[in-house]
Amino acid sequence: MPPQQQKRTNFPDQSQRLVSSKDKIEIGACQVDQIGLENFIRTIVDEIDLNLTENVEFNLNDRGIIYKWNDVFNIEATYAKCLGISKRLYKCQSYTHEPSNCVTYFILEEFNKRTTSLLPEFKFYVLVFCWYDKETRSVTKVSVQYDQHSFFLHCLGIEGLWRWTIANVLTPPAKLWARAYFATGLMRKMKSVIIN
């Protein structure tokens, strides 16, 4: 049974959308805030008058492809719980819609609350591509792209330590190496070869 659509009324009106007359690309301000992936997806597709059917090709960062919306929502809820995430707040402030290519993409912010105070809460940014059928306006394919390494460092509560290590342990020797390399004059020789 396909997921039911519910119309939302908290979106800005059409006057807050910019449409390029040259290539018909629409950029909209949507101010969508939702708790949970399912609520977010159902709300955001309403923004551009799309709908969900039971089937979809959902590509999760090229690590897994899921073919049913219910499976997408159940898997997301399960792995969030396993990673110590108690609540996910999704926020999308704008999107780009290309009707001629039947694609829209959203940059969204994901705020993750944790199940224990030992693990820090964190924000994360995700790029979501969404393709749809021109006739039915049903979402057919979704690709979610994000920095998976950084995400899991956040989940483990060590992303801050990793960032400090990069800045304070790895970067200083890299800067010294770069200065030494420039001092040899090899960089100027490479530039002249590339330019010529």
N, C-alpha and C. Protein backbone atom coordinates (compact mmCIF):
# COMPACT_ATOMS: atom_id res chain seq x y z
N MET A 1 0.84 -1.18 0.00
CA MET A 1 0.00 0.00 0.00
C MET A 1 0.89 1.24 0.00
N PRO A 2 0.71 2.17 -0.97
CA PRO A 2 1.57 3.36 -1.05
C PRO A 2 1.40 4.26 0.15
N PRO A 3 2.50 4.91 0.57
CA PRO A 3 2.39 5.86 1.68
C PRO A 3 1.40 6.98 1.34
N GLN A 4 0.63 7.41 2.29
CA GLN A 4 -0.36 8.46 2.07
C GLN A 4 0.33 9.83 2.12
N GLN A 5 -0.14 10.72 1.27
CA GLN A 5 0.39 12.08 1.23
C GLN A 5 -0.48 12.98 2.10
N GLN A 6 0.13 13.90 2.80
CA GLN A 6 -0.61 14.88 3.58
C GLN A 6 -0.14 16.25 3.14
N LYS A 7 -1.08 17.12 2.78
CA LYS A 7 -0.72 18.46 2.36
C LYS A 7 -0.28 19.28 3.57
N ARG A 8 0.77 20.05 3.40
CA ARG A 8 1.27 20.93 4.46
C ARG A 8 0.93 22.37 4.08
N THR A 9 0.76 23.20 5.06
CA THR A 9 0.40 24.58 4.79
C THR A 9 1.45 25.56 5.31
N ASN A 10 2.61 25.06 5.72
CA ASN A 10 3.60 25.95 6.33
C ASN A 10 4.67 26.41 5.35
N PHE A 11 4.42 26.34 4.05
CA PHE A 11 5.41 26.75 3.07
C PHE A 11 5.18 28.19 2.64
N PRO A 12 6.26 28.87 2.26
CA PRO A 12 6.09 30.21 1.69
C PRO A 12 5.32 30.12 0.38
N ASP A 13 4.72 31.24 -0.03
CA ASP A 13 3.96 31.20 -1.27
C ASP A 13 4.89 31.23 -2.49
N GLN A 14 4.29 31.11 -3.67
CA GLN A 14 5.05 31.02 -4.91
C GLN A 14 5.93 32.25 -5.13
N SER A 15 5.61 33.38 -4.54
CA SER A 15 6.40 34.59 -4.76
C SER A 15 7.82 34.46 -4.21
N GLN A 16 8.07 33.48 -3.35
CA GLN A 16 9.41 33.30 -2.80
C GLN A 16 10.23 32.31 -3.61
N ARG A 17 9.80 32.01 -4.80
CA ARG A 17 10.55 31.12 -5.68
C ARG A 17 11.13 31.94 -6.82
N LEU A 18 12.37 31.68 -7.15
CA LEU A 18 13.02 32.34 -8.26
C LEU A 18 13.06 31.36 -9.43
N VAL A 19 12.68 31.82 -10.61
CA VAL A 19 12.72 30.96 -11.78
C VAL A 19 13.56 31.64 -12.85
N SER A 20 14.60 30.95 -13.30
CA SER A 20 15.45 31.47 -14.36
C SER A 20 14.70 31.32 -15.68
N SER A 21 14.51 32.41 -16.41
CA SER A 21 13.77 32.35 -17.66
C SER A 21 14.57 31.64 -18.75
N LYS A 22 15.89 31.66 -18.65
CA LYS A 22 16.73 31.05 -19.68
C LYS A 22 16.62 29.53 -19.68
N ASP A 23 16.78 28.91 -18.53
CA ASP A 23 16.79 27.44 -18.50
C ASP A 23 15.70 26.86 -17.60
N LYS A 24 14.75 27.68 -17.14
CA LYS A 24 13.61 27.23 -16.35
C LYS A 24 14.01 26.49 -15.09
N ILE A 25 15.08 26.91 -14.47
CA ILE A 25 15.50 26.31 -13.20
C ILE A 25 14.86 27.11 -12.08
N GLU A 26 14.23 26.41 -11.16
CA GLU A 26 13.53 27.05 -10.05
C GLU A 26 14.34 26.88 -8.77
N ILE A 27 14.51 27.97 -8.04
CA ILE A 27 15.19 27.93 -6.76
C ILE A 27 14.19 28.42 -5.73
N GLY A 28 13.93 27.60 -4.74
CA GLY A 28 12.89 27.96 -3.77
C GLY A 28 13.39 27.99 -2.36
N ALA A 29 12.77 28.84 -1.56
CA ALA A 29 13.02 28.88 -0.12
C ALA A 29 11.88 28.15 0.54
N CYS A 30 12.17 27.07 1.24
CA CYS A 30 11.07 26.26 1.77
C CYS A 30 10.98 26.20 3.28
N GLN A 31 12.05 26.46 4.00
CA GLN A 31 12.01 26.47 5.47
C GLN A 31 11.31 25.25 6.05
N VAL A 32 11.70 24.07 5.63
CA VAL A 32 11.10 22.84 6.13
C VAL A 32 11.90 22.32 7.31
N ASP A 33 11.24 22.14 8.43
CA ASP A 33 11.83 21.54 9.64
C ASP A 33 10.97 20.35 10.01
N GLN A 34 11.56 19.17 10.11
CA GLN A 34 10.79 17.98 10.47
C GLN A 34 11.63 17.08 11.36
N ILE A 35 10.95 16.32 12.20
CA ILE A 35 11.60 15.30 13.02
C ILE A 35 11.43 13.97 12.31
N GLY A 36 12.54 13.32 11.99
CA GLY A 36 12.49 12.00 11.35
C GLY A 36 12.52 12.08 9.84
N LEU A 37 13.18 11.11 9.23
CA LEU A 37 13.33 11.08 7.79
C LEU A 37 11.99 10.97 7.07
N GLU A 38 11.12 10.11 7.53
CA GLU A 38 9.84 9.92 6.84
C GLU A 38 9.03 11.22 6.80
N ASN A 39 8.91 11.89 7.93
CA ASN A 39 8.19 13.18 7.95
C ASN A 39 8.85 14.19 7.02
N PHE A 40 10.18 14.22 7.03
CA PHE A 40 10.89 15.18 6.19
C PHE A 40 10.63 14.90 4.71
N ILE A 41 10.79 13.64 4.29
CA ILE A 41 10.60 13.28 2.88
C ILE A 41 9.17 13.61 2.44
N ARG A 42 8.20 13.23 3.24
CA ARG A 42 6.80 13.48 2.87
C ARG A 42 6.51 14.98 2.76
N THR A 43 7.14 15.78 3.60
CA THR A 43 6.92 17.22 3.57
C THR A 43 7.63 17.88 2.40
N ILE A 44 8.86 17.48 2.16
CA ILE A 44 9.67 18.16 1.14
C ILE A 44 9.16 17.87 -0.28
N VAL A 45 8.64 16.67 -0.53
CA VAL A 45 8.13 16.40 -1.88
C VAL A 45 6.87 17.22 -2.16
N ASP A 46 6.12 17.56 -1.11
CA ASP A 46 4.97 18.44 -1.27
C ASP A 46 5.39 19.82 -1.77
N GLU A 47 6.56 20.25 -1.37
CA GLU A 47 7.04 21.59 -1.72
C GLU A 47 7.04 21.81 -3.23
N ILE A 48 7.37 20.77 -3.99
CA ILE A 48 7.39 20.93 -5.45
C ILE A 48 6.33 20.06 -6.12
N ASP A 49 5.28 19.75 -5.36
CA ASP A 49 4.12 19.02 -5.88
C ASP A 49 4.47 17.67 -6.47
N LEU A 50 5.31 16.92 -5.77
CA LEU A 50 5.62 15.55 -6.15
C LEU A 50 4.86 14.61 -5.24
N ASN A 51 4.86 13.33 -5.55
CA ASN A 51 4.22 12.36 -4.68
C ASN A 51 5.06 11.10 -4.60
N LEU A 52 4.79 10.32 -3.58
CA LEU A 52 5.51 9.07 -3.35
C LEU A 52 4.62 7.90 -3.72
N THR A 53 5.19 6.92 -4.39
CA THR A 53 4.50 5.66 -4.59
C THR A 53 5.19 4.66 -3.67
N GLU A 54 4.84 3.41 -3.78
CA GLU A 54 5.45 2.40 -2.91
C GLU A 54 6.90 2.14 -3.28
N ASN A 55 7.22 2.23 -4.58
CA ASN A 55 8.55 1.87 -5.08
C ASN A 55 9.42 3.08 -5.35
N VAL A 56 10.72 2.90 -5.16
CA VAL A 56 11.70 3.94 -5.43
C VAL A 56 13.06 3.27 -5.54
N GLU A 57 13.98 3.91 -6.22
CA GLU A 57 15.38 3.45 -6.19
C GLU A 57 16.12 4.45 -5.31
N PHE A 58 16.39 4.06 -4.08
CA PHE A 58 16.97 4.95 -3.07
C PHE A 58 18.43 4.56 -2.88
N ASN A 59 19.34 5.40 -3.35
CA ASN A 59 20.77 5.15 -3.29
C ASN A 59 21.35 5.89 -2.09
N LEU A 60 21.80 5.13 -1.11
CA LEU A 60 22.33 5.72 0.11
C LEU A 60 23.84 5.83 0.02
N ASN A 61 24.31 6.96 -0.52
CA ASN A 61 25.74 7.27 -0.58
C ASN A 61 26.56 6.19 -1.30
N ASP A 62 25.96 5.57 -2.30
CA ASP A 62 26.60 4.50 -3.06
C ASP A 62 27.03 3.33 -2.20
N ARG A 63 26.40 3.16 -1.03
CA ARG A 63 26.72 2.05 -0.13
C ARG A 63 25.59 1.03 -0.07
N GLY A 64 24.43 1.42 -0.53
CA GLY A 64 23.29 0.52 -0.49
C GLY A 64 22.15 1.09 -1.30
N ILE A 65 21.43 0.24 -2.01
CA ILE A 65 20.27 0.68 -2.78
C ILE A 65 19.05 -0.04 -2.24
N ILE A 66 18.02 0.74 -1.96
CA ILE A 66 16.79 0.23 -1.36
C ILE A 66 15.66 0.54 -2.34
N TYR A 67 14.70 -0.39 -2.49
CA TYR A 67 13.69 -0.25 -3.53
C TYR A 67 12.27 0.02 -3.05
N LYS A 68 12.05 0.11 -1.75
CA LYS A 68 10.71 0.39 -1.21
C LYS A 68 10.83 1.50 -0.17
N TRP A 69 9.89 2.46 -0.20
CA TRP A 69 9.93 3.55 0.77
C TRP A 69 9.83 3.04 2.20
N ASN A 70 8.96 2.08 2.45
CA ASN A 70 8.82 1.56 3.82
C ASN A 70 10.14 0.98 4.31
N ASP A 71 10.88 0.30 3.42
CA ASP A 71 12.19 -0.24 3.81
C ASP A 71 13.17 0.89 4.11
N VAL A 72 13.13 1.95 3.31
CA VAL A 72 14.01 3.11 3.54
C VAL A 72 13.78 3.66 4.94
N PHE A 73 12.52 3.89 5.30
CA PHE A 73 12.20 4.49 6.59
C PHE A 73 12.53 3.55 7.74
N ASN A 74 12.26 2.26 7.58
CA ASN A 74 12.57 1.29 8.64
C ASN A 74 14.07 1.12 8.85
N ILE A 75 14.82 1.05 7.77
CA ILE A 75 16.29 0.91 7.87
C ILE A 75 16.89 2.14 8.53
N GLU A 76 16.43 3.32 8.12
CA GLU A 76 16.97 4.57 8.71
C GLU A 76 16.70 4.61 10.21
N ALA A 77 15.49 4.24 10.62
CA ALA A 77 15.15 4.26 12.05
C ALA A 77 16.00 3.24 12.83
N THR A 78 16.23 2.08 12.22
CA THR A 78 17.01 1.04 12.88
C THR A 78 18.47 1.43 13.04
N TYR A 79 19.10 1.90 11.95
CA TYR A 79 20.52 2.22 12.08
C TYR A 79 20.74 3.46 12.92
N ALA A 80 19.79 4.39 12.94
CA ALA A 80 19.92 5.56 13.82
C ALA A 80 19.95 5.10 15.27
N LYS A 81 19.04 4.18 15.61
CA LYS A 81 18.99 3.68 16.99
C LYS A 81 20.28 2.95 17.34
N CYS A 82 20.80 2.13 16.41
CA CYS A 82 22.04 1.37 16.65
C CYS A 82 23.25 2.29 16.82
N LEU A 83 23.21 3.47 16.18
CA LEU A 83 24.32 4.42 16.27
C LEU A 83 24.18 5.39 17.43
N GLY A 84 23.20 5.16 18.29
CA GLY A 84 23.04 6.01 19.47
C GLY A 84 22.38 7.34 19.18
N ILE A 85 21.57 7.39 18.12
CA ILE A 85 20.86 8.62 17.76
C ILE A 85 19.41 8.46 18.19
N SER A 86 18.96 9.34 19.09
CA SER A 86 17.60 9.21 19.60
C SER A 86 16.59 9.95 18.74
N LYS A 87 17.01 11.06 18.12
CA LYS A 87 16.10 11.86 17.32
C LYS A 87 16.89 12.58 16.24
N ARG A 88 16.33 12.62 15.04
CA ARG A 88 16.97 13.34 13.94
C ARG A 88 16.05 14.47 13.49
N LEU A 89 16.60 15.67 13.48
CA LEU A 89 15.86 16.84 13.05
C LEU A 89 16.42 17.26 11.70
N TYR A 90 15.57 17.26 10.70
CA TYR A 90 15.99 17.63 9.35
C TYR A 90 15.51 19.03 9.03
N LYS A 91 16.38 19.80 8.38
CA LYS A 91 16.03 21.17 8.03
C LYS A 91 16.53 21.45 6.61
N CYS A 92 15.63 21.94 5.79
CA CYS A 92 16.00 22.33 4.42
C CYS A 92 15.53 23.75 4.21
N GLN A 93 16.45 24.63 3.87
CA GLN A 93 16.06 26.02 3.70
C GLN A 93 15.89 26.39 2.24
N SER A 94 16.42 25.58 1.33
CA SER A 94 16.25 25.89 -0.10
C SER A 94 16.46 24.63 -0.94
N TYR A 95 16.09 24.73 -2.18
CA TYR A 95 16.24 23.64 -3.12
C TYR A 95 16.41 24.21 -4.52
N THR A 96 16.85 23.38 -5.43
CA THR A 96 16.93 23.74 -6.84
C THR A 96 16.13 22.70 -7.61
N HIS A 97 15.27 23.16 -8.50
CA HIS A 97 14.39 22.27 -9.25
C HIS A 97 14.60 22.52 -10.74
N GLU A 98 14.90 21.46 -11.47
CA GLU A 98 15.08 21.54 -12.92
C GLU A 98 13.96 20.73 -13.58
N PRO A 99 12.82 21.34 -13.87
CA PRO A 99 11.69 20.61 -14.45
C PRO A 99 12.01 19.96 -15.79
N SER A 100 12.87 20.57 -16.58
CA SER A 100 13.20 19.99 -17.89
C SER A 100 13.92 18.65 -17.76
N ASN A 101 14.65 18.46 -16.65
CA ASN A 101 15.36 17.19 -16.41
C ASN A 101 14.65 16.32 -15.37
N CYS A 102 13.50 16.79 -14.88
CA CYS A 102 12.73 16.07 -13.85
C CYS A 102 13.60 15.72 -12.65
N VAL A 103 14.35 16.70 -12.18
CA VAL A 103 15.22 16.48 -11.02
C VAL A 103 15.17 17.70 -10.11
N THR A 104 15.27 17.45 -8.84
CA THR A 104 15.41 18.53 -7.87
C THR A 104 16.46 18.09 -6.86
N TYR A 105 17.17 19.03 -6.29
CA TYR A 105 18.13 18.66 -5.27
C TYR A 105 18.05 19.64 -4.11
N PHE A 106 18.25 19.04 -2.94
CA PHE A 106 18.11 19.76 -1.69
C PHE A 106 19.42 19.67 -0.92
N ILE A 107 19.80 20.76 -0.29
CA ILE A 107 20.90 20.70 0.67
C ILE A 107 20.22 20.79 2.03
N LEU A 108 20.41 19.76 2.82
CA LEU A 108 19.72 19.76 4.10
C LEU A 108 20.68 19.61 5.26
N GLU A 109 20.23 20.13 6.37
CA GLU A 109 20.98 20.04 7.63
C GLU A 109 20.28 19.00 8.49
N GLU A 110 21.08 18.12 9.05
CA GLU A 110 20.55 17.06 9.90
C GLU A 110 21.15 17.25 11.28
N PHE A 111 20.29 17.43 12.28
CA PHE A 111 20.76 17.57 13.65
C PHE A 111 20.44 16.28 14.38
N ASN A 112 21.45 15.64 14.94
CA ASN A 112 21.29 14.35 15.59
C ASN A 112 21.39 14.47 17.11
N LYS A 113 20.28 14.18 17.79
CA LYS A 113 20.28 14.12 19.26
C LYS A 113 20.70 12.71 19.64
N ARG A 114 21.40 12.58 20.77
CA ARG A 114 21.97 11.28 21.15
C ARG A 114 21.20 10.63 22.28
N THR A 115 21.35 9.31 22.37
CA THR A 115 20.65 8.54 23.40
C THR A 115 21.31 8.69 24.77
N THR A 116 22.57 9.10 24.79
CA THR A 116 23.29 9.26 26.06
C THR A 116 24.07 10.56 26.04
N SER A 117 24.25 11.16 27.20
CA SER A 117 25.00 12.42 27.28
C SER A 117 26.49 12.21 27.05
N LEU A 118 26.95 10.96 27.07
CA LEU A 118 28.37 10.68 26.80
C LEU A 118 28.73 10.92 25.33
N LEU A 119 27.73 10.83 24.47
CA LEU A 119 27.95 11.05 23.04
C LEU A 119 27.46 12.45 22.67
N PRO A 120 28.29 13.25 22.01
CA PRO A 120 27.87 14.61 21.67
C PRO A 120 26.84 14.64 20.54
N GLU A 121 25.90 15.59 20.66
CA GLU A 121 24.97 15.84 19.56
C GLU A 121 25.75 16.47 18.42
N PHE A 122 25.27 16.31 17.19
CA PHE A 122 26.00 16.90 16.07
C PHE A 122 25.10 17.25 14.90
N LYS A 123 25.58 18.24 14.13
CA LYS A 123 24.92 18.65 12.88
C LYS A 123 25.68 17.99 11.73
N PHE A 124 24.92 17.76 10.69
CA PHE A 124 25.53 17.14 9.52
C PHE A 124 24.83 17.68 8.28
N TYR A 125 25.53 17.77 7.17
CA TYR A 125 24.95 18.31 5.94
C TYR A 125 24.91 17.23 4.87
N VAL A 126 23.80 17.19 4.15
CA VAL A 126 23.55 16.13 3.18
C VAL A 126 23.02 16.75 1.89
N LEU A 127 23.44 16.21 0.76
CA LEU A 127 22.93 16.61 -0.54
C LEU A 127 22.02 15.50 -1.04
N VAL A 128 20.78 15.84 -1.37
CA VAL A 128 19.79 14.85 -1.82
C VAL A 128 19.34 15.21 -3.23
N PHE A 129 19.54 14.27 -4.17
CA PHE A 129 19.04 14.40 -5.54
C PHE A 129 17.76 13.59 -5.64
N CYS A 130 16.78 14.13 -6.31
CA CYS A 130 15.47 13.47 -6.39
C CYS A 130 14.96 13.56 -7.83
N TRP A 131 14.83 12.40 -8.50
CA TRP A 131 14.31 12.34 -9.86
C TRP A 131 12.86 11.88 -9.82
N TYR A 132 12.06 12.33 -10.78
CA TYR A 132 10.65 11.97 -10.79
C TYR A 132 10.15 11.77 -12.21
N ASP A 133 9.03 11.07 -12.31
CA ASP A 133 8.37 10.81 -13.59
C ASP A 133 7.60 12.07 -14.00
N LYS A 134 7.81 12.50 -15.23
CA LYS A 134 7.21 13.76 -15.69
C LYS A 134 5.68 13.69 -15.74
N GLU A 135 5.14 12.53 -16.12
CA GLU A 135 3.69 12.40 -16.26
C GLU A 135 3.00 12.31 -14.89
N THR A 136 3.46 11.41 -14.04
CA THR A 136 2.77 11.15 -12.77
C THR A 136 3.30 12.02 -11.62
N ARG A 137 4.47 12.64 -11.82
CA ARG A 137 5.16 13.43 -10.79
C ARG A 137 5.46 12.59 -9.55
N SER A 138 5.64 11.29 -9.76
CA SER A 138 6.02 10.37 -8.68
C SER A 138 7.53 10.28 -8.61
N VAL A 139 8.05 10.32 -7.40
CA VAL A 139 9.50 10.19 -7.19
C VAL A 139 9.91 8.77 -7.58
N THR A 140 10.89 8.67 -8.48
CA THR A 140 11.34 7.35 -8.97
C THR A 140 12.72 6.97 -8.45
N LYS A 141 13.55 7.99 -8.18
CA LYS A 141 14.93 7.71 -7.79
C LYS A 141 15.42 8.81 -6.85
N VAL A 142 16.15 8.40 -5.81
CA VAL A 142 16.73 9.35 -4.86
C VAL A 142 18.18 8.96 -4.64
N SER A 143 19.06 9.94 -4.64
CA SER A 143 20.47 9.70 -4.32
C SER A 143 20.86 10.63 -3.18
N VAL A 144 21.30 10.03 -2.07
CA VAL A 144 21.70 10.78 -0.89
C VAL A 144 23.23 10.74 -0.81
N GLN A 145 23.86 11.91 -0.77
CA GLN A 145 25.32 11.98 -0.75
C GLN A 145 25.79 12.75 0.48
N TYR A 146 26.73 12.17 1.21
CA TYR A 146 27.28 12.83 2.39
C TYR A 146 28.66 12.25 2.69
N ASP A 147 29.40 12.94 3.56
CA ASP A 147 30.73 12.51 3.98
C ASP A 147 30.58 11.42 5.04
N GLN A 148 30.64 10.17 4.61
CA GLN A 148 30.38 9.05 5.51
C GLN A 148 31.44 8.91 6.60
N HIS A 149 32.68 9.18 6.28
CA HIS A 149 33.77 9.09 7.26
C HIS A 149 33.50 10.04 8.43
N SER A 150 33.22 11.29 8.09
CA SER A 150 32.95 12.29 9.12
C SER A 150 31.70 11.94 9.92
N PHE A 151 30.68 11.40 9.25
CA PHE A 151 29.45 11.01 9.94
C PHE A 151 29.73 9.98 11.03
N PHE A 152 30.51 8.94 10.71
CA PHE A 152 30.78 7.91 11.69
C PHE A 152 31.72 8.39 12.80
N LEU A 153 32.62 9.33 12.48
CA LEU A 153 33.43 9.94 13.54
C LEU A 153 32.53 10.69 14.52
N HIS A 154 31.53 11.41 13.98
CA HIS A 154 30.55 12.09 14.84
C HIS A 154 29.81 11.08 15.70
N CYS A 155 29.36 9.98 15.09
CA CYS A 155 28.59 8.96 15.84
C CYS A 155 29.41 8.39 16.99
N LEU A 156 30.70 8.21 16.76
CA LEU A 156 31.57 7.67 17.80
C LEU A 156 31.96 8.72 18.84
N GLY A 157 31.64 9.98 18.55
CA GLY A 157 31.95 11.06 19.48
C GLY A 157 33.40 11.51 19.42
N ILE A 158 34.11 11.17 18.33
CA ILE A 158 35.53 11.51 18.23
C ILE A 158 35.85 12.45 17.07
N GLU A 159 34.83 13.04 16.47
CA GLU A 159 35.07 13.93 15.33
C GLU A 159 35.89 15.15 15.76
N GLY A 160 35.60 15.69 16.93
CA GLY A 160 36.35 16.84 17.45
C GLY A 160 37.81 16.50 17.66
N LEU A 161 38.07 15.32 18.19
CA LEU A 161 39.44 14.85 18.38
C LEU A 161 40.16 14.69 17.04
N TRP A 162 39.44 14.13 16.05
CA TRP A 162 40.01 13.96 14.71
C TRP A 162 40.37 15.32 14.10
N ARG A 163 39.45 16.28 14.21
CA ARG A 163 39.69 17.63 13.66
C ARG A 163 40.89 18.27 14.35
N TRP A 164 40.99 18.13 15.69
CA TRP A 164 42.13 18.68 16.43
C TRP A 164 43.43 18.03 15.97
N THR A 165 43.41 16.71 15.78
CA THR A 165 44.61 15.98 15.35
C THR A 165 45.06 16.46 13.98
N ILE A 166 44.14 16.62 13.07
CA ILE A 166 44.49 17.11 11.72
C ILE A 166 45.11 18.50 11.81
N ALA A 167 44.46 19.39 12.58
CA ALA A 167 44.93 20.77 12.67
C ALA A 167 46.25 20.92 13.41
N ASN A 168 46.44 20.15 14.49
CA ASN A 168 47.59 20.38 15.36
C ASN A 168 48.72 19.38 15.24
N VAL A 169 48.45 18.21 14.68
CA VAL A 169 49.49 17.20 14.57
C VAL A 169 49.93 17.00 13.11
N LEU A 170 48.98 16.91 12.19
CA LEU A 170 49.33 16.62 10.80
C LEU A 170 49.60 17.87 9.97
N THR A 171 48.88 18.95 10.23
CA THR A 171 49.05 20.15 9.41
C THR A 171 50.42 20.83 9.58
N PRO A 172 50.96 21.00 10.80
CA PRO A 172 52.27 21.66 10.93
C PRO A 172 53.39 20.97 10.13
N PRO A 173 53.56 19.64 10.19
CA PRO A 173 54.60 19.04 9.34
C PRO A 173 54.32 19.20 7.86
N ALA A 174 53.03 19.19 7.47
CA ALA A 174 52.69 19.38 6.06
C ALA A 174 53.09 20.78 5.60
N LYS A 175 52.90 21.78 6.47
CA LYS A 175 53.30 23.15 6.12
C LYS A 175 54.82 23.25 6.01
N LEU A 176 55.54 22.60 6.93
CA LEU A 176 57.01 22.61 6.85
C LEU A 176 57.49 21.95 5.57
N TRP A 177 56.88 20.83 5.21
CA TRP A 177 57.25 20.14 3.99
C TRP A 177 56.99 21.03 2.77
N ALA A 178 55.84 21.73 2.76
CA ALA A 178 55.51 22.61 1.64
C ALA A 178 56.52 23.75 1.53
N ARG A 179 56.90 24.34 2.66
CA ARG A 179 57.90 25.44 2.63
C ARG A 179 59.24 24.93 2.10
N ALA A 180 59.64 23.75 2.57
CA ALA A 180 60.91 23.16 2.10
C ALA A 180 60.85 22.88 0.60
N TYR A 181 59.73 22.37 0.15
CA TYR A 181 59.56 22.06 -1.28
C TYR A 181 59.64 23.33 -2.12
N PHE A 182 58.96 24.38 -1.69
CA PHE A 182 59.02 25.65 -2.41
C PHE A 182 60.43 26.22 -2.41
N ALA A 183 61.15 26.04 -1.30
CA ALA A 183 62.51 26.57 -1.19
C ALA A 183 63.47 25.90 -2.19
N THR A 184 63.18 24.68 -2.59
CA THR A 184 64.05 23.99 -3.56
C THR A 184 63.96 24.59 -4.95
N GLY A 185 62.88 25.33 -5.24
CA GLY A 185 62.71 25.91 -6.57
C GLY A 185 62.01 24.99 -7.55
N LEU A 186 61.73 23.77 -7.15
CA LEU A 186 61.07 22.83 -8.06
C LEU A 186 59.67 23.30 -8.46
N MET A 187 58.99 23.99 -7.58
CA MET A 187 57.63 24.44 -7.86
C MET A 187 57.63 25.44 -9.00
N ARG A 188 58.61 26.38 -9.04
CA ARG A 188 58.67 27.36 -10.12
C ARG A 188 58.93 26.66 -11.45
N LYS A 189 59.78 25.64 -11.45
CA LYS A 189 60.06 24.90 -12.68
C LYS A 189 58.81 24.18 -13.16
N MET A 190 58.05 23.60 -12.23
CA MET A 190 56.83 22.90 -12.61
C MET A 190 55.81 23.86 -13.19
N LYS A 191 55.68 25.08 -12.61
CA LYS A 191 54.75 26.08 -13.10
C LYS A 191 55.08 26.45 -14.53
N SER A 192 56.36 26.68 -14.83
CA SER A 192 56.74 27.08 -16.18
C SER A 192 56.48 25.97 -17.18
N VAL A 193 56.64 24.71 -16.79
CA VAL A 193 56.35 23.58 -17.67
C VAL A 193 54.86 23.50 -17.93
N ILE A 194 54.05 23.69 -16.90
CA ILE A 194 52.59 23.60 -17.04
C ILE A 194 52.07 24.74 -17.90
N ILE A 195 52.57 25.96 -17.69
CA ILE A 195 52.10 27.13 -18.45
C ILE A 195 52.51 27.02 -19.91
N ASN A 196 53.73 26.56 -20.16
CA ASN A 196 54.19 26.45 -21.55
C ASN A 196 53.62 25.21 -22.16
